[in-house]
Amino acid sequence: MIVARLKPNELREFLFGKTLNCYDPESRAHIATAHYGQDGVCRMTFSDGTEDTGVFGLTDDIYWTQYKRFRSGTLNKFYLESVAPQIAQAFHTDGRRAFLQTPLPTLENETLESR
């Protein structure tokens, strides 16, 4: 598999109306579950049980989120790269890695491609 940045239609299909597990890209520890509603409302439930809500949207092949508290309530922009079937690595637009995201219940035994 070749690592590939998701195109706008792929990004929309991957996020909208989906609940995704979010993992630390280094340790693969489960950090949170994110729900991206069809209405542009997002909800993050962290592994410790705390929750936060916000909004999200798309601009071409970039998506943005703004939660009430998470990441200090700031607007953050990301792109996604497919690293395995149903698994995407999120990157901040400056290239810093963010969460691995997937609808899969675990990353155990998953082989991930990297750039």
C-alpha atoms as a PDB file:
ATOM      1  CA  MET A   1       0.000   0.000   0.000  1.00  0.00           C
ATOM      2  CA  ILE A   2       1.205   3.490  -0.818  1.00  0.00           C
ATOM      3  CA  VAL A   3       0.651   6.223   1.765  1.00  0.00           C
ATOM      4  CA  ALA A   4      -1.709   8.700   0.165  1.00  0.00           C
ATOM      5  CA  ARG A   5      -3.319  11.929   1.312  1.00  0.00           C
ATOM      6  CA  LEU A   6      -7.096  11.634   1.308  1.00  0.00           C
ATOM      7  CA  LYS A   7      -8.852  13.582  -1.423  1.00  0.00           C
ATOM      8  CA  PRO A   8     -11.796  15.836  -0.501  1.00  0.00           C
ATOM      9  CA  ASN A   9     -14.448  13.206  -1.296  1.00  0.00           C
ATOM     10  CA  GLU A  10     -12.490  10.507   0.599  1.00  0.00           C
ATOM     11  CA  LEU A  11     -12.064  12.837   3.568  1.00  0.00           C
ATOM     12  CA  ARG A  12     -15.799  13.561   3.667  1.00  0.00           C
ATOM     13  CA  GLU A  13     -16.606   9.856   3.471  1.00  0.00           C
ATOM     14  CA  PHE A  14     -14.091   8.993   6.211  1.00  0.00           C
ATOM     15  CA  LEU A  15     -15.332  11.632   8.694  1.00  0.00           C
ATOM     16  CA  PHE A  16     -18.945  12.678   8.229  1.00  0.00           C
ATOM     17  CA  GLY A  17     -21.398  10.668  10.294  1.00  0.00           C
ATOM     18  CA  LYS A  18     -18.609   8.456  11.623  1.00  0.00           C
ATOM     19  CA  THR A  19     -17.365   7.487  15.057  1.00  0.00           C
ATOM     20  CA  LEU A  20     -13.610   6.956  15.006  1.00  0.00           C
ATOM     21  CA  ASN A  21     -11.172   5.618  17.567  1.00  0.00           C
ATOM     22  CA  CYS A  22      -8.198   7.928  18.084  1.00  0.00           C
ATOM     23  CA  TYR A  23      -4.779   6.523  18.939  1.00  0.00           C
ATOM     24  CA  ASP A  24      -1.406   7.991  19.817  1.00  0.00           C
ATOM     25  CA  PRO A  25       0.719   7.439  16.684  1.00  0.00           C
ATOM     26  CA  GLU A  26       3.813   6.417  18.668  1.00  0.00           C
ATOM     27  CA  SER A  27       2.475   4.174  21.426  1.00  0.00           C
ATOM     28  CA  ARG A  28      -0.788   3.179  19.712  1.00  0.00           C
ATOM     29  CA  ALA A  29      -2.529   3.813  23.032  1.00  0.00           C
ATOM     30  CA  HIS A  30      -6.245   4.568  22.713  1.00  0.00           C
ATOM     31  CA  ILE A  31      -6.714   8.248  23.560  1.00  0.00           C
ATOM     32  CA  ALA A  32     -10.318   8.992  22.656  1.00  0.00           C
ATOM     33  CA  THR A  33     -13.316   8.278  20.493  1.00  0.00           C
ATOM     34  CA  ALA A  34     -14.421  11.063  18.169  1.00  0.00           C
ATOM     35  CA  HIS A  35     -17.848  11.365  16.582  1.00  0.00           C
ATOM     36  CA  TYR A  36     -18.145  13.609  13.523  1.00  0.00           C
ATOM     37  CA  GLY A  37     -21.838  14.306  12.960  1.00  0.00           C
ATOM     38  CA  GLN A  38     -23.448  14.920   9.584  1.00  0.00           C
ATOM     39  CA  ASP A  39     -24.403  18.357  10.970  1.00  0.00           C
ATOM     40  CA  GLY A  40     -20.818  19.528  11.587  1.00  0.00           C
ATOM     41  CA  VAL A  41     -20.963  18.927  15.351  1.00  0.00           C
ATOM     42  CA  CYS A  42     -18.186  16.806  16.825  1.00  0.00           C
ATOM     43  CA  ARG A  43     -17.909  15.073  20.171  1.00  0.00           C
ATOM     44  CA  MET A  44     -14.751  13.664  21.744  1.00  0.00           C
ATOM     45  CA  THR A  45     -14.947  11.086  24.537  1.00  0.00           C
ATOM     46  CA  PHE A  46     -11.554  10.583  26.124  1.00  0.00           C
ATOM     47  CA  SER A  47     -10.321   7.296  27.564  1.00  0.00           C
ATOM     48  CA  ASP A  48     -10.718   8.697  31.096  1.00  0.00           C
ATOM     49  CA  GLY A  49     -14.452   9.241  30.453  1.00  0.00           C
ATOM     50  CA  THR A  50     -14.376  13.029  30.054  1.00  0.00           C
ATOM     51  CA  GLU A  51     -16.105  14.544  27.042  1.00  0.00           C
ATOM     52  CA  ASP A  52     -15.920  17.671  24.947  1.00  0.00           C
ATOM     53  CA  THR A  53     -18.010  18.983  22.073  1.00  0.00           C
ATOM     54  CA  GLY A  54     -17.280  21.320  19.207  1.00  0.00           C
ATOM     55  CA  VAL A  55     -17.675  21.895  15.506  1.00  0.00           C
ATOM     56  CA  PHE A  56     -15.810  20.683  12.437  1.00  0.00           C
ATOM     57  CA  GLY A  57     -15.808  21.243   8.713  1.00  0.00           C
ATOM     58  CA  LEU A  58     -13.952  20.693   5.460  1.00  0.00           C
ATOM     59  CA  THR A  59     -12.119  22.959   3.055  1.00  0.00           C
ATOM     60  CA  ASP A  60     -10.836  20.984   0.069  1.00  0.00           C
ATOM     61  CA  ASP A  61      -8.622  18.202   1.501  1.00  0.00           C
ATOM     62  CA  ILE A  62      -8.268  19.865   4.931  1.00  0.00           C
ATOM     63  CA  TYR A  63     -10.614  19.410   7.863  1.00  0.00           C
ATOM     64  CA  TRP A  64     -10.785  21.632  10.897  1.00  0.00           C
ATOM     65  CA  THR A  65     -12.042  21.159  14.444  1.00  0.00           C
ATOM     66  CA  GLN A  66     -12.732  23.515  17.287  1.00  0.00           C
ATOM     67  CA  TYR A  67     -13.715  22.027  20.618  1.00  0.00           C
ATOM     68  CA  LYS A  68     -14.840  23.949  23.677  1.00  0.00           C
ATOM     69  CA  ARG A  69     -11.860  22.837  25.814  1.00  0.00           C
ATOM     70  CA  PHE A  70      -9.712  20.311  23.929  1.00  0.00           C
ATOM     71  CA  ARG A  71      -6.559  21.902  22.497  1.00  0.00           C
ATOM     72  CA  SER A  72      -7.449  25.016  24.520  1.00  0.00           C
ATOM     73  CA  GLY A  73     -10.536  25.645  22.382  1.00  0.00           C
ATOM     74  CA  THR A  74      -8.437  26.741  19.401  1.00  0.00           C
ATOM     75  CA  LEU A  75      -9.221  26.082  15.746  1.00  0.00           C
ATOM     76  CA  ASN A  76      -7.011  23.283  14.417  1.00  0.00           C
ATOM     77  CA  LYS A  77      -6.584  22.198  10.793  1.00  0.00           C
ATOM     78  CA  PHE A  78      -5.575  18.732   9.615  1.00  0.00           C
ATOM     79  CA  TYR A  79      -5.143  16.514   6.610  1.00  0.00           C
ATOM     80  CA  LEU A  80      -5.355  12.730   6.619  1.00  0.00           C
ATOM     81  CA  GLU A  81      -3.094  10.146   5.024  1.00  0.00           C
ATOM     82  CA  SER A  82      -4.281   6.600   4.524  1.00  0.00           C
ATOM     83  CA  VAL A  83      -1.795   4.271   6.253  1.00  0.00           C
ATOM     84  CA  ALA A  84      -3.779   1.003   6.090  1.00  0.00           C
ATOM     85  CA  PRO A  85      -7.298  -0.030   5.101  1.00  0.00           C
ATOM     86  CA  GLN A  86      -9.702   2.005   7.282  1.00  0.00           C
ATOM     87  CA  ILE A  87      -6.832   3.705   9.164  1.00  0.00           C
ATOM     88  CA  ALA A  88      -5.684   7.283   8.616  1.00  0.00           C
ATOM     89  CA  GLN A  89      -2.899   9.318  10.164  1.00  0.00           C
ATOM     90  CA  ALA A  90      -3.974  12.886  10.920  1.00  0.00           C
ATOM     91  CA  PHE A  91      -1.407  15.633  10.439  1.00  0.00           C
ATOM     92  CA  HIS A  92      -1.642  19.257  11.500  1.00  0.00           C
ATOM     93  CA  THR A  93      -1.218  21.419   8.412  1.00  0.00           C
ATOM     94  CA  ASP A  94       2.313  22.267   9.580  1.00  0.00           C
ATOM     95  CA  GLY A  95       3.205  18.552   9.281  1.00  0.00           C
ATOM     96  CA  ARG A  96       3.082  17.557  12.967  1.00  0.00           C
ATOM     97  CA  ARG A  97       1.416  14.203  13.540  1.00  0.00           C
ATOM     98  CA  ALA A  98      -1.884  14.118  15.384  1.00  0.00           C
ATOM     99  CA  PHE A  99      -4.033  11.042  16.077  1.00  0.00           C
ATOM    100  CA  LEU A 100      -4.294   7.831  14.122  1.00  0.00           C
ATOM    101  CA  GLN A 101      -8.007   7.521  13.395  1.00  0.00           C
ATOM    102  CA  THR A 102     -10.036   4.445  12.524  1.00  0.00           C
ATOM    103  CA  PRO A 103     -13.479   2.926  12.892  1.00  0.00           C
ATOM    104  CA  LEU A 104     -11.716  -0.326  13.869  1.00  0.00           C
ATOM    105  CA  PRO A 105     -12.040  -1.274  17.557  1.00  0.00           C
ATOM    106  CA  THR A 106      -8.281  -1.842  17.925  1.00  0.00           C
ATOM    107  CA  LEU A 107      -4.959  -1.354  16.138  1.00  0.00           C
ATOM    108  CA  GLU A 108      -3.668  -4.638  17.500  1.00  0.00           C
ATOM    109  CA  ASN A 109      -2.029  -6.682  14.741  1.00  0.00           C
ATOM    110  CA  GLU A 110      -2.410  -3.839  12.205  1.00  0.00           C
ATOM    111  CA  THR A 111       0.573  -3.065   9.982  1.00  0.00           C
ATOM    112  CA  LEU A 112       0.776   0.628   9.166  1.00  0.00           C
ATOM    113  CA  GLU A 113       2.600   2.281   6.300  1.00  0.00           C
ATOM    114  CA  SER A 114       4.555   5.451   6.939  1.00  0.00           C
ATOM    115  CA  ARG A 115       5.979   8.195   4.831  1.00  0.00           C
END
